[in-house]
Amino acid sequence: MPANLAISEKTFANHVVQLARGLGWQEFRTWNSKHSPAGWPDLVLLRPPRMVIAELKTEKGKLTPAQKQVLEMLQQIPGHQVYIWRPRDWDDIVRTLERTASNG
């Protein structure tokens, strides 16, 4: 990941997906959110038995009320992990995606 934190959300998403693929994750991401229900997260990653759901934001990006509502609802459902990731979270993203079910 480039040291420049002022990258676009699209570029950031591409870095996250590239990392995830390299670590064996399958991904679903909304390609064009204009045609999706409001508030749904950008990225769903699967590597059984784990599922990670992530909303990706730039450093200054803000969650919409619909995004907050959907993320809060998702956090109430057991069995997966929900994150809001920004470029500054890169080290945490790497640690999260490297983890296996057996190591937390």
PDB file of N, CA and C in Angstrom:
ATOM      1  N   MET A   1       0.851  -1.180   0.000  1.00  0.00           N
ATOM      2  CA  MET A   1       0.000   0.000   0.000  1.00  0.00           C
ATOM      3  C   MET A   1       0.892   1.237   0.000  1.00  0.00           C
ATOM      4  N   PRO A   2       0.607   2.161  -0.871  1.00  0.00           N
ATOM      5  CA  PRO A   2       1.415   3.382  -0.912  1.00  0.00           C
ATOM      6  C   PRO A   2       1.339   4.154   0.403  1.00  0.00           C
ATOM      7  N   ALA A   3       2.411   4.846   0.737  1.00  0.00           N
ATOM      8  CA  ALA A   3       2.452   5.630   1.964  1.00  0.00           C
ATOM      9  C   ALA A   3       1.504   6.824   1.894  1.00  0.00           C
ATOM     10  N   ASN A   4       1.121   7.237   0.683  1.00  0.00           N
ATOM     11  CA  ASN A   4       0.229   8.373   0.507  1.00  0.00           C
ATOM     12  C   ASN A   4      -1.176   7.997   0.974  1.00  0.00           C
ATOM     13  N   LEU A   5      -1.628   8.604   2.047  1.00  0.00           N
ATOM     14  CA  LEU A   5      -2.953   8.298   2.574  1.00  0.00           C
ATOM     15  C   LEU A   5      -4.054   9.037   1.833  1.00  0.00           C
ATOM     16  N   ALA A   6      -3.688  10.013   1.020  1.00  0.00           N
ATOM     17  CA  ALA A   6      -4.674  10.804   0.290  1.00  0.00           C
ATOM     18  C   ALA A   6      -4.997  10.149  -1.050  1.00  0.00           C
ATOM     19  N   ILE A   7      -5.449   8.908  -0.995  1.00  0.00           N
ATOM     20  CA  ILE A   7      -5.794   8.197  -2.219  1.00  0.00           C
ATOM     21  C   ILE A   7      -7.316   8.120  -2.327  1.00  0.00           C
ATOM     22  N   SER A   8      -7.778   7.862  -3.529  1.00  0.00           N
ATOM     23  CA  SER A   8      -9.218   7.757  -3.744  1.00  0.00           C
ATOM     24  C   SER A   8      -9.757   6.478  -3.118  1.00  0.00           C
ATOM     25  N   GLU A   9     -11.053   6.467  -2.891  1.00  0.00           N
ATOM     26  CA  GLU A   9     -11.683   5.267  -2.345  1.00  0.00           C
ATOM     27  C   GLU A   9     -11.540   4.097  -3.314  1.00  0.00           C
ATOM     28  N   LYS A  10     -11.632   4.383  -4.600  1.00  0.00           N
ATOM     29  CA  LYS A  10     -11.498   3.321  -5.604  1.00  0.00           C
ATOM     30  C   LYS A  10     -10.105   2.702  -5.554  1.00  0.00           C
ATOM     31  N   THR A  11      -9.075   3.530  -5.470  1.00  0.00           N
ATOM     32  CA  THR A  11      -7.703   3.027  -5.392  1.00  0.00           C
ATOM     33  C   THR A  11      -7.495   2.238  -4.106  1.00  0.00           C
ATOM     34  N   PHE A  12      -8.008   2.766  -3.006  1.00  0.00           N
ATOM     35  CA  PHE A  12      -7.910   2.066  -1.723  1.00  0.00           C
ATOM     36  C   PHE A  12      -8.603   0.711  -1.805  1.00  0.00           C
ATOM     37  N   ALA A  13      -9.809   0.688  -2.367  1.00  0.00           N
ATOM     38  CA  ALA A  13     -10.555  -0.571  -2.519  1.00  0.00           C
ATOM     39  C   ALA A  13      -9.763  -1.568  -3.350  1.00  0.00           C
ATOM     40  N   ASN A  14      -9.140  -1.104  -4.408  1.00  0.00           N
ATOM     41  CA  ASN A  14      -8.338  -2.007  -5.241  1.00  0.00           C
ATOM     42  C   ASN A  14      -7.176  -2.613  -4.454  1.00  0.00           C
ATOM     43  N   HIS A  15      -6.546  -1.825  -3.593  1.00  0.00           N
ATOM     44  CA  HIS A  15      -5.452  -2.343  -2.753  1.00  0.00           C
ATOM     45  C   HIS A  15      -5.975  -3.397  -1.780  1.00  0.00           C
ATOM     46  N   VAL A  16      -7.119  -3.125  -1.157  1.00  0.00           N
ATOM     47  CA  VAL A  16      -7.683  -4.081  -0.196  1.00  0.00           C
ATOM     48  C   VAL A  16      -8.044  -5.385  -0.905  1.00  0.00           C
ATOM     49  N   VAL A  17      -8.683  -5.281  -2.058  1.00  0.00           N
ATOM     50  CA  VAL A  17      -9.083  -6.486  -2.799  1.00  0.00           C
ATOM     51  C   VAL A  17      -7.862  -7.262  -3.261  1.00  0.00           C
ATOM     52  N   GLN A  18      -6.841  -6.579  -3.734  1.00  0.00           N
ATOM     53  CA  GLN A  18      -5.614  -7.256  -4.171  1.00  0.00           C
ATOM     54  C   GLN A  18      -4.981  -8.017  -3.005  1.00  0.00           C
ATOM     55  N   LEU A  19      -4.913  -7.385  -1.838  1.00  0.00           N
ATOM     56  CA  LEU A  19      -4.388  -8.058  -0.648  1.00  0.00           C
ATOM     57  C   LEU A  19      -5.237  -9.277  -0.317  1.00  0.00           C
ATOM     58  N   ALA A  20      -6.554  -9.095  -0.284  1.00  0.00           N
ATOM     59  CA  ALA A  20      -7.452 -10.192   0.086  1.00  0.00           C
ATOM     60  C   ALA A  20      -7.310 -11.371  -0.875  1.00  0.00           C
ATOM     61  N   ARG A  21      -7.290 -11.099  -2.152  1.00  0.00           N
ATOM     62  CA  ARG A  21      -7.129 -12.177  -3.139  1.00  0.00           C
ATOM     63  C   ARG A  21      -5.823 -12.923  -2.914  1.00  0.00           C
ATOM     64  N   GLY A  22      -4.758 -12.179  -2.638  1.00  0.00           N
ATOM     65  CA  GLY A  22      -3.455 -12.795  -2.407  1.00  0.00           C
ATOM     66  C   GLY A  22      -3.431 -13.689  -1.175  1.00  0.00           C
ATOM     67  N   LEU A  23      -4.345 -13.424  -0.249  1.00  0.00           N
ATOM     68  CA  LEU A  23      -4.428 -14.219   0.974  1.00  0.00           C
ATOM     69  C   LEU A  23      -5.524 -15.282   0.897  1.00  0.00           C
ATOM     70  N   GLY A  24      -6.094 -15.470  -0.284  1.00  0.00           N
ATOM     71  CA  GLY A  24      -7.049 -16.553  -0.484  1.00  0.00           C
ATOM     72  C   GLY A  24      -8.506 -16.222  -0.220  1.00  0.00           C
ATOM     73  N   TRP A  25      -8.834 -14.953  -0.106  1.00  0.00           N
ATOM     74  CA  TRP A  25     -10.215 -14.541   0.113  1.00  0.00           C
ATOM     75  C   TRP A  25     -10.955 -14.428  -1.223  1.00  0.00           C
ATOM     76  N   GLN A  26     -12.242 -14.728  -1.194  1.00  0.00           N
ATOM     77  CA  GLN A  26     -13.148 -14.436  -2.305  1.00  0.00           C
ATOM     78  C   GLN A  26     -13.864 -13.136  -1.954  1.00  0.00           C
ATOM     79  N   GLU A  27     -14.107 -12.301  -2.952  1.00  0.00           N
ATOM     80  CA  GLU A  27     -14.718 -11.014  -2.631  1.00  0.00           C
ATOM     81  C   GLU A  27     -15.957 -10.743  -3.471  1.00  0.00           C
ATOM     82  N   PHE A  28     -16.824  -9.962  -2.866  1.00  0.00           N
ATOM     83  CA  PHE A  28     -17.921  -9.324  -3.577  1.00  0.00           C
ATOM     84  C   PHE A  28     -17.842  -7.861  -3.235  1.00  0.00           C
ATOM     85  N   ARG A  29     -17.882  -7.026  -4.250  1.00  0.00           N
ATOM     86  CA  ARG A  29     -17.939  -5.597  -3.978  1.00  0.00           C
ATOM     87  C   ARG A  29     -18.891  -4.936  -4.944  1.00  0.00           C
ATOM     88  N   THR A  30     -19.514  -3.930  -4.433  1.00  0.00           N
ATOM     89  CA  THR A  30     -20.436  -3.169  -5.256  1.00  0.00           C
ATOM     90  C   THR A  30     -19.625  -2.403  -6.287  1.00  0.00           C
ATOM     91  N   TRP A  31     -19.926  -2.634  -7.543  1.00  0.00           N
ATOM     92  CA  TRP A  31     -19.173  -1.956  -8.594  1.00  0.00           C
ATOM     93  C   TRP A  31     -19.673  -0.544  -8.795  1.00  0.00           C
ATOM     94  N   ASN A  32     -20.997  -0.384  -8.772  1.00  0.00           N
ATOM     95  CA  ASN A  32     -21.579   0.944  -8.958  1.00  0.00           C
ATOM     96  C   ASN A  32     -22.707   1.095  -7.948  1.00  0.00           C
ATOM     97  N   SER A  33     -22.436   1.800  -6.871  1.00  0.00           N
ATOM     98  CA  SER A  33     -23.396   1.880  -5.774  1.00  0.00           C
ATOM     99  C   SER A  33     -24.666   2.639  -6.140  1.00  0.00           C
ATOM    100  N   LYS A  34     -24.667   3.348  -7.256  1.00  0.00           N
ATOM    101  CA  LYS A  34     -25.864   4.083  -7.671  1.00  0.00           C
ATOM    102  C   LYS A  34     -27.042   3.143  -7.930  1.00  0.00           C
ATOM    103  N   HIS A  35     -26.747   1.887  -8.231  1.00  0.00           N
ATOM    104  CA  HIS A  35     -27.792   0.927  -8.546  1.00  0.00           C
ATOM    105  C   HIS A  35     -28.009  -0.081  -7.409  1.00  0.00           C
ATOM    106  N   SER A  36     -27.488   0.225  -6.225  1.00  0.00           N
ATOM    107  CA  SER A  36     -27.616  -0.658  -5.063  1.00  0.00           C
ATOM    108  C   SER A  36     -28.419   0.045  -3.983  1.00  0.00           C
ATOM    109  N   PRO A  37     -29.035  -0.716  -3.093  1.00  0.00           N
ATOM    110  CA  PRO A  37     -29.748  -0.085  -1.984  1.00  0.00           C
ATOM    111  C   PRO A  37     -28.797   0.775  -1.147  1.00  0.00           C
ATOM    112  N   ALA A  38     -29.294   1.903  -0.682  1.00  0.00           N
ATOM    113  CA  ALA A  38     -28.478   2.832   0.107  1.00  0.00           C
ATOM    114  C   ALA A  38     -27.977   2.175   1.382  1.00  0.00           C
ATOM    115  N   GLY A  39     -26.715   2.436   1.704  1.00  0.00           N
ATOM    116  CA  GLY A  39     -26.166   2.031   2.984  1.00  0.00           C
ATOM    117  C   GLY A  39     -25.401   0.733   3.014  1.00  0.00           C
ATOM    118  N   TRP A  40     -25.521  -0.093   1.986  1.00  0.00           N
ATOM    119  CA  TRP A  40     -24.869  -1.399   2.028  1.00  0.00           C
ATOM    120  C   TRP A  40     -23.364  -1.240   1.869  1.00  0.00           C
ATOM    121  N   PRO A  41     -22.589  -2.019   2.641  1.00  0.00           N
ATOM    122  CA  PRO A  41     -21.125  -1.886   2.629  1.00  0.00           C
ATOM    123  C   PRO A  41     -20.507  -2.194   1.262  1.00  0.00           C
ATOM    124  N   ASP A  42     -19.296  -1.696   1.110  1.00  0.00           N
ATOM    125  CA  ASP A  42     -18.571  -1.823  -0.154  1.00  0.00           C
ATOM    126  C   ASP A  42     -18.080  -3.224  -0.444  1.00  0.00           C
ATOM    127  N   LEU A  43     -17.745  -3.969   0.583  1.00  0.00           N
ATOM    128  CA  LEU A  43     -16.966  -5.185   0.365  1.00  0.00           C
ATOM    129  C   LEU A  43     -17.390  -6.305   1.315  1.00  0.00           C
ATOM    130  N   VAL A  44     -17.562  -7.500   0.747  1.00  0.00           N
ATOM    131  CA  VAL A  44     -17.783  -8.709   1.537  1.00  0.00           C
ATOM    132  C   VAL A  44     -16.685  -9.686   1.146  1.00  0.00           C
ATOM    133  N   LEU A  45     -15.960 -10.177   2.128  1.00  0.00           N
ATOM    134  CA  LEU A  45     -14.854 -11.104   1.899  1.00  0.00           C
ATOM    135  C   LEU A  45     -15.157 -12.433   2.572  1.00  0.00           C
ATOM    136  N   LEU A  46     -14.907 -13.519   1.846  1.00  0.00           N
ATOM    137  CA  LEU A  46     -15.152 -14.864   2.367  1.00  0.00           C
ATOM    138  C   LEU A  46     -13.889 -15.704   2.274  1.00  0.00           C
ATOM    139  N   ARG A  47     -13.553 -16.310   3.376  1.00  0.00           N
ATOM    140  CA  ARG A  47     -12.523 -17.344   3.434  1.00  0.00           C
ATOM    141  C   ARG A  47     -12.937 -18.250   4.587  1.00  0.00           C
ATOM    142  N   PRO A  48     -13.761 -19.267   4.266  1.00  0.00           N
ATOM    143  CA  PRO A  48     -14.348 -20.091   5.320  1.00  0.00           C
ATOM    144  C   PRO A  48     -13.311 -20.543   6.330  1.00  0.00           C
ATOM    145  N   PRO A  49     -13.695 -20.459   7.586  1.00  0.00           N
ATOM    146  CA  PRO A  49     -15.034 -20.196   8.101  1.00  0.00           C
ATOM    147  C   PRO A  49     -15.308 -18.724   8.406  1.00  0.00           C
ATOM    148  N   ARG A  50     -14.536 -17.813   7.863  1.00  0.00           N
ATOM    149  CA  ARG A  50     -14.674 -16.390   8.196  1.00  0.00           C
ATOM    150  C   ARG A  50     -15.363 -15.607   7.089  1.00  0.00           C
ATOM    151  N   MET A  51     -16.093 -14.567   7.534  1.00  0.00           N
ATOM    152  CA  MET A  51     -16.669 -13.591   6.615  1.00  0.00           C
ATOM    153  C   MET A  51     -16.393 -12.208   7.195  1.00  0.00           C
ATOM    154  N   VAL A  52     -15.854 -11.333   6.358  1.00  0.00           N
ATOM    155  CA  VAL A  52     -15.550  -9.958   6.738  1.00  0.00           C
ATOM    156  C   VAL A  52     -16.379  -9.039   5.856  1.00  0.00           C
ATOM    157  N   ILE A  53     -17.038  -8.085   6.494  1.00  0.00           N
ATOM    158  CA  ILE A  53     -17.814  -7.075   5.779  1.00  0.00           C
ATOM    159  C   ILE A  53     -17.157  -5.736   6.078  1.00  0.00           C
ATOM    160  N   ALA A  54     -16.842  -4.978   5.025  1.00  0.00           N
ATOM    161  CA  ALA A  54     -16.110  -3.727   5.233  1.00  0.00           C
ATOM    162  C   ALA A  54     -16.698  -2.586   4.427  1.00  0.00           C
ATOM    163  N   GLU A  55     -16.835  -1.465   5.096  1.00  0.00           N
ATOM    164  CA  GLU A  55     -17.137  -0.200   4.430  1.00  0.00           C
ATOM    165  C   GLU A  55     -15.800   0.507   4.279  1.00  0.00           C
ATOM    166  N   LEU A  56     -15.473   0.919   3.080  1.00  0.00           N
ATOM    167  CA  LEU A  56     -14.190   1.552   2.791  1.00  0.00           C
ATOM    168  C   LEU A  56     -14.402   3.049   2.610  1.00  0.00           C
ATOM    169  N   LYS A  57     -13.560   3.819   3.253  1.00  0.00           N
ATOM    170  CA  LYS A  57     -13.656   5.273   3.195  1.00  0.00           C
ATOM    171  C   LYS A  57     -12.275   5.879   2.999  1.00  0.00           C
ATOM    172  N   THR A  58     -12.237   7.047   2.372  1.00  0.00           N
ATOM    173  CA  THR A  58     -11.013   7.817   2.328  1.00  0.00           C
ATOM    174  C   THR A  58     -10.752   8.356   3.734  1.00  0.00           C
ATOM    175  N   GLU A  59      -9.632   8.994   3.930  1.00  0.00           N
ATOM    176  CA  GLU A  59      -9.305   9.544   5.242  1.00  0.00           C
ATOM    177  C   GLU A  59     -10.360  10.542   5.716  1.00  0.00           C
ATOM    178  N   LYS A  60     -10.940  11.291   4.793  1.00  0.00           N
ATOM    179  CA  LYS A  60     -11.911  12.319   5.178  1.00  0.00           C
ATOM    180  C   LYS A  60     -13.350  11.905   4.908  1.00  0.00           C
ATOM    181  N   GLY A  61     -13.538  10.727   4.326  1.00  0.00           N
ATOM    182  CA  GLY A  61     -14.886  10.278   3.977  1.00  0.00           C
ATOM    183  C   GLY A  61     -15.750  10.052   5.207  1.00  0.00           C
ATOM    184  N   LYS A  62     -17.027  10.368   5.078  1.00  0.00           N
ATOM    185  CA  LYS A  62     -17.961  10.224   6.190  1.00  0.00           C
ATOM    186  C   LYS A  62     -19.029   9.199   5.852  1.00  0.00           C
ATOM    187  N   LEU A  63     -19.470   8.492   6.874  1.00  0.00           N
ATOM    188  CA  LEU A  63     -20.567   7.552   6.698  1.00  0.00           C
ATOM    189  C   LEU A  63     -21.873   8.325   6.519  1.00  0.00           C
ATOM    190  N   THR A  64     -22.704   7.839   5.620  1.00  0.00           N
ATOM    191  CA  THR A  64     -24.042   8.407   5.486  1.00  0.00           C
ATOM    192  C   THR A  64     -24.922   7.825   6.594  1.00  0.00           C
ATOM    193  N   PRO A  65     -26.051   8.460   6.888  1.00  0.00           N
ATOM    194  CA  PRO A  65     -26.962   7.870   7.868  1.00  0.00           C
ATOM    195  C   PRO A  65     -27.385   6.446   7.486  1.00  0.00           C
ATOM    196  N   ALA A  66     -27.621   6.198   6.204  1.00  0.00           N
ATOM    197  CA  ALA A  66     -28.002   4.847   5.768  1.00  0.00           C
ATOM    198  C   ALA A  66     -26.873   3.856   6.007  1.00  0.00           C
ATOM    199  N   GLN A  67     -25.625   4.256   5.765  1.00  0.00           N
ATOM    200  CA  GLN A  67     -24.490   3.372   6.022  1.00  0.00           C
ATOM    201  C   GLN A  67     -24.375   3.063   7.509  1.00  0.00           C
ATOM    202  N   LYS A  68     -24.521   4.069   8.340  1.00  0.00           N
ATOM    203  CA  LYS A  68     -24.467   3.843   9.792  1.00  0.00           C
ATOM    204  C   LYS A  68     -25.532   2.840  10.219  1.00  0.00           C
ATOM    205  N   GLN A  69     -26.734   3.004   9.699  1.00  0.00           N
ATOM    206  CA  GLN A  69     -27.834   2.120  10.077  1.00  0.00           C
ATOM    207  C   GLN A  69     -27.561   0.680   9.660  1.00  0.00           C
ATOM    208  N   VAL A  70     -27.131   0.476   8.421  1.00  0.00           N
ATOM    209  CA  VAL A  70     -26.865  -0.887   7.942  1.00  0.00           C
ATOM    210  C   VAL A  70     -25.705  -1.506   8.713  1.00  0.00           C
ATOM    211  N   LEU A  71     -24.640  -0.750   8.940  1.00  0.00           N
ATOM    212  CA  LEU A  71     -23.495  -1.289   9.678  1.00  0.00           C
ATOM    213  C   LEU A  71     -23.886  -1.657  11.109  1.00  0.00           C
ATOM    214  N   GLU A  72     -24.684  -0.832  11.751  1.00  0.00           N
ATOM    215  CA  GLU A  72     -25.142  -1.153  13.103  1.00  0.00           C
ATOM    216  C   GLU A  72     -25.972  -2.430  13.107  1.00  0.00           C
ATOM    217  N   MET A  73     -26.816  -2.606  12.108  1.00  0.00           N
ATOM    218  CA  MET A  73     -27.618  -3.827  12.021  1.00  0.00           C
ATOM    219  C   MET A  73     -26.732  -5.043  11.790  1.00  0.00           C
ATOM    220  N   LEU A  74     -25.763  -4.917  10.893  1.00  0.00           N
ATOM    221  CA  LEU A  74     -24.855  -6.031  10.604  1.00  0.00           C
ATOM    222  C   LEU A  74     -24.055  -6.426  11.839  1.00  0.00           C
ATOM    223  N   GLN A  75     -23.666  -5.450  12.648  1.00  0.00           N
ATOM    224  CA  GLN A  75     -22.888  -5.738  13.851  1.00  0.00           C
ATOM    225  C   GLN A  75     -23.688  -6.523  14.884  1.00  0.00           C
ATOM    226  N   GLN A  76     -24.997  -6.510  14.776  1.00  0.00           N
ATOM    227  CA  GLN A  76     -25.847  -7.242  15.720  1.00  0.00           C
ATOM    228  C   GLN A  76     -26.048  -8.702  15.325  1.00  0.00           C
ATOM    229  N   ILE A  77     -25.554  -9.079  14.162  1.00  0.00           N
ATOM    230  CA  ILE A  77     -25.720 -10.444  13.674  1.00  0.00           C
ATOM    231  C   ILE A  77     -24.416 -11.199  13.923  1.00  0.00           C
ATOM    232  N   PRO A  78     -24.457 -12.294  14.674  1.00  0.00           N
ATOM    233  CA  PRO A  78     -23.222 -13.028  14.971  1.00  0.00           C
ATOM    234  C   PRO A  78     -22.692 -13.790  13.763  1.00  0.00           C
ATOM    235  N   GLY A  79     -21.412 -14.097  13.819  1.00  0.00           N
ATOM    236  CA  GLY A  79     -20.821 -14.985  12.825  1.00  0.00           C
ATOM    237  C   GLY A  79     -19.998 -14.312  11.756  1.00  0.00           C
ATOM    238  N   HIS A  80     -19.844 -13.015  11.822  1.00  0.00           N
ATOM    239  CA  HIS A  80     -18.993 -12.315  10.861  1.00  0.00           C
ATOM    240  C   HIS A  80     -18.402 -11.084  11.540  1.00  0.00           C
ATOM    241  N   GLN A  81     -17.494 -10.444  10.842  1.00  0.00           N
ATOM    242  CA  GLN A  81     -16.829  -9.257  11.379  1.00  0.00           C
ATOM    243  C   GLN A  81     -17.173  -8.073  10.491  1.00  0.00           C
ATOM    244  N   VAL A  82     -17.443  -6.927  11.096  1.00  0.00           N
ATOM    245  CA  VAL A  82     -17.820  -5.719  10.368  1.00  0.00           C
ATOM    246  C   VAL A  82     -16.800  -4.627  10.681  1.00  0.00           C
ATOM    247  N   TYR A  83     -16.306  -3.989   9.623  1.00  0.00           N
ATOM    248  CA  TYR A  83     -15.280  -2.959   9.787  1.00  0.00           C
ATOM    249  C   TYR A  83     -15.597  -1.729   8.954  1.00  0.00           C
ATOM    250  N   ILE A  84     -15.080  -0.601   9.413  1.00  0.00           N
ATOM    251  CA  ILE A  84     -14.974   0.610   8.601  1.00  0.00           C
ATOM    252  C   ILE A  84     -13.475   0.818   8.446  1.00  0.00           C
ATOM    253  N   TRP A  85     -12.995   0.689   7.213  1.00  0.00           N
ATOM    254  CA  TRP A  85     -11.562   0.770   6.965  1.00  0.00           C
ATOM    255  C   TRP A  85     -11.212   2.017   6.183  1.00  0.00           C
ATOM    256  N   ARG A  86     -10.098   2.624   6.567  1.00  0.00           N
ATOM    257  CA  ARG A  86      -9.522   3.789   5.884  1.00  0.00           C
ATOM    258  C   ARG A  86      -8.058   3.463   5.577  1.00  0.00           C
ATOM    259  N   PRO A  87      -7.447   4.215   4.664  1.00  0.00           N
ATOM    260  CA  PRO A  87      -6.037   3.927   4.350  1.00  0.00           C
ATOM    261  C   PRO A  87      -5.130   3.878   5.574  1.00  0.00           C
ATOM    262  N   ARG A  88      -5.377   4.691   6.582  1.00  0.00           N
ATOM    263  CA  ARG A  88      -4.536   4.690   7.788  1.00  0.00           C
ATOM    264  C   ARG A  88      -4.638   3.380   8.568  1.00  0.00           C
ATOM    265  N   ASP A  89      -5.656   2.563   8.267  1.00  0.00           N
ATOM    266  CA  ASP A  89      -5.869   1.289   8.948  1.00  0.00           C
ATOM    267  C   ASP A  89      -5.135   0.129   8.276  1.00  0.00           C
ATOM    268  N   TRP A  90      -4.267   0.423   7.331  1.00  0.00           N
ATOM    269  CA  TRP A  90      -3.673  -0.624   6.501  1.00  0.00           C
ATOM    270  C   TRP A  90      -3.056  -1.763   7.310  1.00  0.00           C
ATOM    271  N   ASP A  91      -2.273  -1.434   8.320  1.00  0.00           N
ATOM    272  CA  ASP A  91      -1.637  -2.499   9.118  1.00  0.00           C
ATOM    273  C   ASP A  91      -2.687  -3.387   9.794  1.00  0.00           C
ATOM    274  N   ASP A  92      -3.756  -2.783  10.290  1.00  0.00           N
ATOM    275  CA  ASP A  92      -4.844  -3.558  10.897  1.00  0.00           C
ATOM    276  C   ASP A  92      -5.565  -4.412   9.856  1.00  0.00           C
ATOM    277  N   ILE A  93      -5.736  -3.873   8.666  1.00  0.00           N
ATOM    278  CA  ILE A  93      -6.382  -4.619   7.578  1.00  0.00           C
ATOM    279  C   ILE A  93      -5.557  -5.866   7.260  1.00  0.00           C
ATOM    280  N   VAL A  94      -4.255  -5.687   7.136  1.00  0.00           N
ATOM    281  CA  VAL A  94      -3.370  -6.821   6.847  1.00  0.00           C
ATOM    282  C   VAL A  94      -3.491  -7.865   7.946  1.00  0.00           C
ATOM    283  N   ARG A  95      -3.398  -7.450   9.205  1.00  0.00           N
ATOM    284  CA  ARG A  95      -3.518  -8.394  10.327  1.00  0.00           C
ATOM    285  C   ARG A  95      -4.868  -9.111  10.307  1.00  0.00           C
ATOM    286  N   THR A  96      -5.926  -8.379  10.046  1.00  0.00           N
ATOM    287  CA  THR A  96      -7.267  -8.974  10.025  1.00  0.00           C
ATOM    288  C   THR A  96      -7.386 -10.027   8.935  1.00  0.00           C
ATOM    289  N   LEU A  97      -6.877  -9.722   7.760  1.00  0.00           N
ATOM    290  CA  LEU A  97      -7.033 -10.648   6.642  1.00  0.00           C
ATOM    291  C   LEU A  97      -6.040 -11.813   6.704  1.00  0.00           C
ATOM    292  N   GLU A  98      -4.934 -11.634   7.409  1.00  0.00           N
ATOM    293  CA  GLU A  98      -3.982 -12.733   7.567  1.00  0.00           C
ATOM    294  C   GLU A  98      -4.442 -13.746   8.605  1.00  0.00           C
ATOM    295  N   ARG A  99      -5.270 -13.303   9.561  1.00  0.00           N
ATOM    296  CA  ARG A  99      -5.731 -14.202  10.625  1.00  0.00           C
ATOM    297  C   ARG A  99      -6.513 -15.377  10.059  1.00  0.00           C
ATOM    298  N   THR A 100      -6.343 -16.487  10.721  1.00  0.00           N
ATOM    299  CA  THR A 100      -7.160 -17.671  10.408  1.00  0.00           C
ATOM    300  C   THR A 100      -8.182 -17.821  11.514  1.00  0.00           C
ATOM    301  N   ALA A 101      -9.113 -18.711  11.338  1.00  0.00           N
ATOM    302  CA  ALA A 101     -10.126 -18.931  12.367  1.00  0.00           C
ATOM    303  C   ALA A 101      -9.483 -19.408  13.661  1.00  0.00           C
ATOM    304  N   SER A 102      -8.388 -20.129  13.555  1.00  0.00           N
ATOM    305  CA  SER A 102      -7.759 -20.695  14.750  1.00  0.00           C
ATOM    306  C   SER A 102      -6.925 -19.689  15.517  1.00  0.00           C
ATOM    307  N   ASN A 103      -6.542 -18.572  14.883  1.00  0.00           N
ATOM    308  CA  ASN A 103      -5.731 -17.599  15.623  1.00  0.00           C
ATOM    309  C   ASN A 103      -6.475 -16.279  15.830  1.00  0.00           C
ATOM    310  N   GLY A 104      -7.773 -16.339  15.864  1.00  0.00           N
ATOM    311  CA  GLY A 104      -8.550 -15.202  16.279  1.00  0.00           C
ATOM    312  C   GLY A 104      -9.154 -14.423  15.219  1.00  0.00           C
TER     313      GLY A 104
END
